[in-house]
Amino acid sequence: MSEHVLVLGGARSGKTGFAERLAMRAGDRPLYLATAEALDAEMKERVATHQRTRHGRFDTLEEPLALAEAIERAAMSHDAILVDCLTLWLSNLLGAGRDVAGAVEGLGRTLSGLQDTRVILVSNEVGLGIVPDNALARSFRDLAGSTHQRLAEICTDVYFVAAGLPLTLKGRRPEESQEPEGPHSA
């Protein structure tokens, strides 16, 4: 069974750059599996910025909803898959009226069944702030928290990133001395 990674952190914490470095060390054929949908000008610019910072080091696949299925297909041709990000995926599922708990369990089954591909999951930690003032936001926060807990059970390594610094919550300490050259994105 492959060893998977969960990388948590706040917005602009450096979690994506850290996950990219892990993915570059994890395989020779890495894939960047993006869950974002560029629905407005600001999001289109964010996506373009992320793509520029990767400098062609990753193949890219965009999949906003069918994450487990996309990972299964991608694992046939890639030895490392970076999923960025789970919180956007959860938001997409909620917006589409999908069964979030079922999708998370399906993702867990997919990860548990992979043999030769390492998956690095990136997600925003949204439960550290104040309690949201509306039911939808509280539901989203709770879904993200339960998703993180479920995936942390499956992953061999779990990190929390703040100010660009990874804190090991479970598993091995990252080997910072083996960073590939290139710009870091968050």
C-alpha atoms as a PDB file:
ATOM      1  CA  MET A   1       0.000   0.000   0.000  1.00  0.00           C
ATOM      2  CA  SER A   2       1.235   3.483  -0.824  1.00  0.00           C
ATOM      3  CA  GLU A   3       2.019   6.021   1.854  1.00  0.00           C
ATOM      4  CA  HIS A   4      -0.190   9.096   1.524  1.00  0.00           C
ATOM      5  CA  VAL A   5       0.210  12.588   2.961  1.00  0.00           C
ATOM      6  CA  LEU A   6      -2.257  15.153   4.321  1.00  0.00           C
ATOM      7  CA  VAL A   7      -1.043  18.766   4.413  1.00  0.00           C
ATOM      8  CA  LEU A   8      -3.204  21.184   6.412  1.00  0.00           C
ATOM      9  CA  GLY A   9      -2.817  24.907   6.976  1.00  0.00           C
ATOM     10  CA  GLY A  10      -4.471  28.279   6.776  1.00  0.00           C
ATOM     11  CA  ALA A  11      -4.847  30.465   3.711  1.00  0.00           C
ATOM     12  CA  ARG A  12      -1.459  31.543   2.299  1.00  0.00           C
ATOM     13  CA  SER A  13       0.361  29.474   4.917  1.00  0.00           C
ATOM     14  CA  GLY A  14       2.786  27.847   2.461  1.00  0.00           C
ATOM     15  CA  LYS A  15       1.007  24.493   2.424  1.00  0.00           C
ATOM     16  CA  THR A  16       0.847  24.181  -1.370  1.00  0.00           C
ATOM     17  CA  GLY A  17       4.522  24.988  -1.862  1.00  0.00           C
ATOM     18  CA  PHE A  18       5.423  22.451   0.812  1.00  0.00           C
ATOM     19  CA  ALA A  19       3.161  19.835  -0.814  1.00  0.00           C
ATOM     20  CA  GLU A  20       4.699  20.533  -4.228  1.00  0.00           C
ATOM     21  CA  ARG A  21       8.179  19.876  -2.816  1.00  0.00           C
ATOM     22  CA  LEU A  22       6.956  16.614  -1.285  1.00  0.00           C
ATOM     23  CA  ALA A  23       5.400  15.557  -4.591  1.00  0.00           C
ATOM     24  CA  MET A  24       8.572  16.348  -6.530  1.00  0.00           C
ATOM     25  CA  ARG A  25      10.525  14.084  -4.163  1.00  0.00           C
ATOM     26  CA  ALA A  26       7.841  11.374  -4.176  1.00  0.00           C
ATOM     27  CA  GLY A  27       7.860  10.519  -7.843  1.00  0.00           C
ATOM     28  CA  ASP A  28       9.237  10.914 -11.342  1.00  0.00           C
ATOM     29  CA  ARG A  29       5.810  11.456 -12.916  1.00  0.00           C
ATOM     30  CA  PRO A  30       3.902  13.851 -10.615  1.00  0.00           C
ATOM     31  CA  LEU A  31       0.383  15.067 -11.351  1.00  0.00           C
ATOM     32  CA  TYR A  32      -1.224  18.232  -9.997  1.00  0.00           C
ATOM     33  CA  LEU A  33      -4.909  17.404  -9.554  1.00  0.00           C
ATOM     34  CA  ALA A  34      -6.733  20.722  -9.139  1.00  0.00           C
ATOM     35  CA  THR A  35     -10.236  20.874  -7.687  1.00  0.00           C
ATOM     36  CA  ALA A  36     -10.754  24.610  -8.226  1.00  0.00           C
ATOM     37  CA  GLU A  37     -13.177  25.983 -10.758  1.00  0.00           C
ATOM     38  CA  ALA A  38     -12.157  29.346 -12.190  1.00  0.00           C
ATOM     39  CA  LEU A  39     -15.595  30.944 -12.203  1.00  0.00           C
ATOM     40  CA  ASP A  40     -14.558  34.602 -11.904  1.00  0.00           C
ATOM     41  CA  ALA A  41     -11.651  36.836 -12.931  1.00  0.00           C
ATOM     42  CA  GLU A  42      -9.932  36.712  -9.530  1.00  0.00           C
ATOM     43  CA  MET A  43     -10.027  32.913  -9.425  1.00  0.00           C
ATOM     44  CA  LYS A  44      -8.819  32.694 -13.029  1.00  0.00           C
ATOM     45  CA  GLU A  45      -5.789  34.807 -12.081  1.00  0.00           C
ATOM     46  CA  ARG A  46      -5.103  32.598  -9.013  1.00  0.00           C
ATOM     47  CA  VAL A  47      -5.187  29.476 -11.198  1.00  0.00           C
ATOM     48  CA  ALA A  48      -2.890  31.088 -13.788  1.00  0.00           C
ATOM     49  CA  THR A  49      -0.444  32.121 -11.057  1.00  0.00           C
ATOM     50  CA  HIS A  50      -0.340  28.574  -9.664  1.00  0.00           C
ATOM     51  CA  GLN A  51       0.258  27.177 -13.154  1.00  0.00           C
ATOM     52  CA  ARG A  52       3.121  29.617 -13.820  1.00  0.00           C
ATOM     53  CA  THR A  53       4.879  28.740 -10.565  1.00  0.00           C
ATOM     54  CA  ARG A  54       4.867  25.032 -11.420  1.00  0.00           C
ATOM     55  CA  HIS A  55       6.941  25.681 -14.592  1.00  0.00           C
ATOM     56  CA  GLY A  56       5.781  22.467 -16.265  1.00  0.00           C
ATOM     57  CA  ARG A  57       7.134  20.283 -13.456  1.00  0.00           C
ATOM     58  CA  PHE A  58       3.714  18.626 -13.104  1.00  0.00           C
ATOM     59  CA  ASP A  59       1.121  17.269 -15.459  1.00  0.00           C
ATOM     60  CA  THR A  60      -2.183  18.936 -14.585  1.00  0.00           C
ATOM     61  CA  LEU A  61      -5.705  17.554 -14.332  1.00  0.00           C
ATOM     62  CA  GLU A  62      -8.716  19.593 -13.251  1.00  0.00           C
ATOM     63  CA  GLU A  63     -11.551  17.725 -11.526  1.00  0.00           C
ATOM     64  CA  PRO A  64     -13.942  19.614  -9.246  1.00  0.00           C
ATOM     65  CA  LEU A  65     -16.226  16.728  -8.176  1.00  0.00           C
ATOM     66  CA  ALA A  66     -15.195  13.148  -9.061  1.00  0.00           C
ATOM     67  CA  LEU A  67     -11.954  13.173  -7.079  1.00  0.00           C
ATOM     68  CA  ALA A  68     -11.698   9.469  -6.193  1.00  0.00           C
ATOM     69  CA  GLU A  69     -12.320   8.458  -9.794  1.00  0.00           C
ATOM     70  CA  ALA A  70      -9.779  10.986 -11.085  1.00  0.00           C
ATOM     71  CA  ILE A  71      -7.154   9.651  -8.667  1.00  0.00           C
ATOM     72  CA  GLU A  72      -7.825   6.062  -9.763  1.00  0.00           C
ATOM     73  CA  ARG A  73      -7.377   7.004 -13.437  1.00  0.00           C
ATOM     74  CA  ALA A  74      -4.320   9.163 -12.784  1.00  0.00           C
ATOM     75  CA  ALA A  75      -2.623   6.456 -10.725  1.00  0.00           C
ATOM     76  CA  MET A  76      -2.289   4.381 -13.900  1.00  0.00           C
ATOM     77  CA  SER A  77       0.232   6.852 -15.331  1.00  0.00           C
ATOM     78  CA  HIS A  78       1.560   8.894 -12.362  1.00  0.00           C
ATOM     79  CA  ASP A  79       3.551   7.843  -9.305  1.00  0.00           C
ATOM     80  CA  ALA A  80       2.737  10.966  -7.275  1.00  0.00           C
ATOM     81  CA  ILE A  81      -0.528  12.913  -7.229  1.00  0.00           C
ATOM     82  CA  LEU A  82      -0.887  16.263  -5.494  1.00  0.00           C
ATOM     83  CA  VAL A  83      -4.543  17.121  -4.792  1.00  0.00           C
ATOM     84  CA  ASP A  84      -5.097  20.851  -4.250  1.00  0.00           C
ATOM     85  CA  CYS A  85      -7.386  21.302  -2.484  1.00  0.00           C
ATOM     86  CA  LEU A  86      -9.846  19.290  -0.440  1.00  0.00           C
ATOM     87  CA  THR A  87     -11.740  22.263   0.970  1.00  0.00           C
ATOM     88  CA  LEU A  88     -12.565  23.484  -2.549  1.00  0.00           C
ATOM     89  CA  TRP A  89     -13.626  19.938  -3.413  1.00  0.00           C
ATOM     90  CA  LEU A  90     -15.947  19.847  -0.382  1.00  0.00           C
ATOM     91  CA  SER A  91     -17.366  23.233  -1.367  1.00  0.00           C
ATOM     92  CA  ASN A  92     -17.934  21.993  -4.924  1.00  0.00           C
ATOM     93  CA  LEU A  93     -19.726  18.881  -3.618  1.00  0.00           C
ATOM     94  CA  LEU A  94     -21.965  20.945  -1.356  1.00  0.00           C
ATOM     95  CA  GLY A  95     -22.776  23.374  -4.156  1.00  0.00           C
ATOM     96  CA  ALA A  96     -23.690  20.501  -6.481  1.00  0.00           C
ATOM     97  CA  GLY A  97     -25.922  18.887  -3.845  1.00  0.00           C
ATOM     98  CA  ARG A  98     -23.764  15.751  -3.692  1.00  0.00           C
ATOM     99  CA  ASP A  99     -23.421  13.268  -0.815  1.00  0.00           C
ATOM    100  CA  VAL A 100     -20.293  14.627   0.879  1.00  0.00           C
ATOM    101  CA  ALA A 101     -19.917  11.825   3.429  1.00  0.00           C
ATOM    102  CA  GLY A 102     -20.210   9.217   0.675  1.00  0.00           C
ATOM    103  CA  ALA A 103     -17.657  11.028  -1.472  1.00  0.00           C
ATOM    104  CA  VAL A 104     -15.199  11.216   1.440  1.00  0.00           C
ATOM    105  CA  GLU A 105     -15.626   7.507   2.146  1.00  0.00           C
ATOM    106  CA  GLY A 106     -15.099   6.774  -1.565  1.00  0.00           C
ATOM    107  CA  LEU A 107     -11.904   8.829  -1.486  1.00  0.00           C
ATOM    108  CA  GLY A 108     -10.765   6.905   1.581  1.00  0.00           C
ATOM    109  CA  ARG A 109     -11.381   3.562  -0.160  1.00  0.00           C
ATOM    110  CA  THR A 110      -9.485   4.744  -3.232  1.00  0.00           C
ATOM    111  CA  LEU A 111      -6.497   5.876  -1.167  1.00  0.00           C
ATOM    112  CA  SER A 112      -6.455   2.632   0.818  1.00  0.00           C
ATOM    113  CA  GLY A 113      -6.466   0.588  -2.391  1.00  0.00           C
ATOM    114  CA  LEU A 114      -3.630   2.343  -4.222  1.00  0.00           C
ATOM    115  CA  GLN A 115      -0.445   0.337  -4.511  1.00  0.00           C
ATOM    116  CA  ASP A 116       2.231   2.303  -6.341  1.00  0.00           C
ATOM    117  CA  THR A 117       1.120   5.936  -6.261  1.00  0.00           C
ATOM    118  CA  ARG A 118       1.620   8.401  -3.430  1.00  0.00           C
ATOM    119  CA  VAL A 119      -1.173  10.945  -2.978  1.00  0.00           C
ATOM    120  CA  ILE A 120      -0.488  14.260  -1.266  1.00  0.00           C
ATOM    121  CA  LEU A 121      -3.696  15.973  -0.166  1.00  0.00           C
ATOM    122  CA  VAL A 122      -3.768  19.712   0.567  1.00  0.00           C
ATOM    123  CA  SER A 123      -6.556  21.254   2.624  1.00  0.00           C
ATOM    124  CA  ASN A 124      -7.370  24.427   4.503  1.00  0.00           C
ATOM    125  CA  GLU A 125      -7.767  24.114   8.236  1.00  0.00           C
ATOM    126  CA  VAL A 126     -10.952  26.115   8.793  1.00  0.00           C
ATOM    127  CA  GLY A 127     -11.750  25.146  12.378  1.00  0.00           C
ATOM    128  CA  LEU A 128      -9.306  27.390  14.228  1.00  0.00           C
ATOM    129  CA  GLY A 129     -11.290  30.623  14.070  1.00  0.00           C
ATOM    130  CA  ILE A 130     -14.516  31.838  15.586  1.00  0.00           C
ATOM    131  CA  VAL A 131     -17.709  29.809  15.281  1.00  0.00           C
ATOM    132  CA  PRO A 132     -19.400  30.893  12.042  1.00  0.00           C
ATOM    133  CA  ASP A 133     -22.645  32.840  12.398  1.00  0.00           C
ATOM    134  CA  ASN A 134     -24.706  30.805   9.917  1.00  0.00           C
ATOM    135  CA  ALA A 135     -25.735  27.192   9.530  1.00  0.00           C
ATOM    136  CA  LEU A 136     -24.122  26.649   6.108  1.00  0.00           C
ATOM    137  CA  ALA A 137     -20.729  27.916   7.260  1.00  0.00           C
ATOM    138  CA  ARG A 138     -20.911  25.831  10.455  1.00  0.00           C
ATOM    139  CA  SER A 139     -21.862  22.764   8.409  1.00  0.00           C
ATOM    140  CA  PHE A 140     -18.943  23.357   6.045  1.00  0.00           C
ATOM    141  CA  ARG A 141     -16.506  23.777   8.963  1.00  0.00           C
ATOM    142  CA  ASP A 142     -17.786  20.552  10.534  1.00  0.00           C
ATOM    143  CA  LEU A 143     -17.576  18.628   7.232  1.00  0.00           C
ATOM    144  CA  ALA A 144     -14.013  19.827   6.682  1.00  0.00           C
ATOM    145  CA  GLY A 145     -13.040  18.799  10.208  1.00  0.00           C
ATOM    146  CA  SER A 146     -14.539  15.304   9.904  1.00  0.00           C
ATOM    147  CA  THR A 147     -12.970  14.902   6.438  1.00  0.00           C
ATOM    148  CA  HIS A 148      -9.553  15.824   7.818  1.00  0.00           C
ATOM    149  CA  GLN A 149      -9.931  13.367  10.681  1.00  0.00           C
ATOM    150  CA  ARG A 150     -10.959  10.520   8.344  1.00  0.00           C
ATOM    151  CA  LEU A 151      -8.114  11.152   5.915  1.00  0.00           C
ATOM    152  CA  ALA A 152      -5.567  11.606   8.720  1.00  0.00           C
ATOM    153  CA  GLU A 153      -6.417   8.038   9.792  1.00  0.00           C
ATOM    154  CA  ILE A 154      -5.480   6.756   6.322  1.00  0.00           C
ATOM    155  CA  CYS A 155      -2.443   8.927   5.620  1.00  0.00           C
ATOM    156  CA  THR A 156       0.948   7.882   6.938  1.00  0.00           C
ATOM    157  CA  ASP A 157       2.159  11.479   7.187  1.00  0.00           C
ATOM    158  CA  VAL A 158       0.150  14.520   8.319  1.00  0.00           C
ATOM    159  CA  TYR A 159       1.591  18.041   8.452  1.00  0.00           C
ATOM    160  CA  PHE A 160       0.290  21.414   9.582  1.00  0.00           C
ATOM    161  CA  VAL A 161       1.922  24.369   7.824  1.00  0.00           C
ATOM    162  CA  ALA A 162       2.066  27.882   9.288  1.00  0.00           C
ATOM    163  CA  ALA A 163       4.274  30.740   8.043  1.00  0.00           C
ATOM    164  CA  GLY A 164       5.769  28.322   5.517  1.00  0.00           C
ATOM    165  CA  LEU A 165       6.988  25.991   8.269  1.00  0.00           C
ATOM    166  CA  PRO A 166       5.693  22.405   8.421  1.00  0.00           C
ATOM    167  CA  LEU A 167       4.853  20.878  11.775  1.00  0.00           C
ATOM    168  CA  THR A 168       4.737  17.080  11.753  1.00  0.00           C
ATOM    169  CA  LEU A 169       1.495  15.854  13.308  1.00  0.00           C
ATOM    170  CA  LYS A 170       1.922  12.214  12.270  1.00  0.00           C
ATOM    171  CA  GLY A 171       4.737  10.320  10.568  1.00  0.00           C
ATOM    172  CA  ARG A 172       8.136  11.458   9.396  1.00  0.00           C
ATOM    173  CA  ARG A 173       9.726  14.875   9.553  1.00  0.00           C
ATOM    174  CA  PRO A 174      10.123  16.346   6.069  1.00  0.00           C
ATOM    175  CA  GLU A 175      13.609  16.265   4.613  1.00  0.00           C
ATOM    176  CA  GLU A 176      14.055  19.940   3.848  1.00  0.00           C
ATOM    177  CA  SER A 177      17.570  19.424   2.518  1.00  0.00           C
ATOM    178  CA  GLN A 178      16.209  17.647  -0.574  1.00  0.00           C
ATOM    179  CA  GLU A 179      14.060  20.510  -1.891  1.00  0.00           C
ATOM    180  CA  PRO A 180      14.027  20.787  -5.673  1.00  0.00           C
ATOM    181  CA  GLU A 181      15.044  24.123  -7.138  1.00  0.00           C
ATOM    182  CA  GLY A 182      12.345  26.585  -8.162  1.00  0.00           C
ATOM    183  CA  PRO A 183       9.938  29.081  -6.707  1.00  0.00           C
ATOM    184  CA  HIS A 184       7.640  28.134  -3.880  1.00  0.00           C
ATOM    185  CA  SER A 185       3.928  28.897  -4.039  1.00  0.00           C
ATOM    186  CA  ALA A 186       1.331  28.885  -1.334  1.00  0.00           C
END
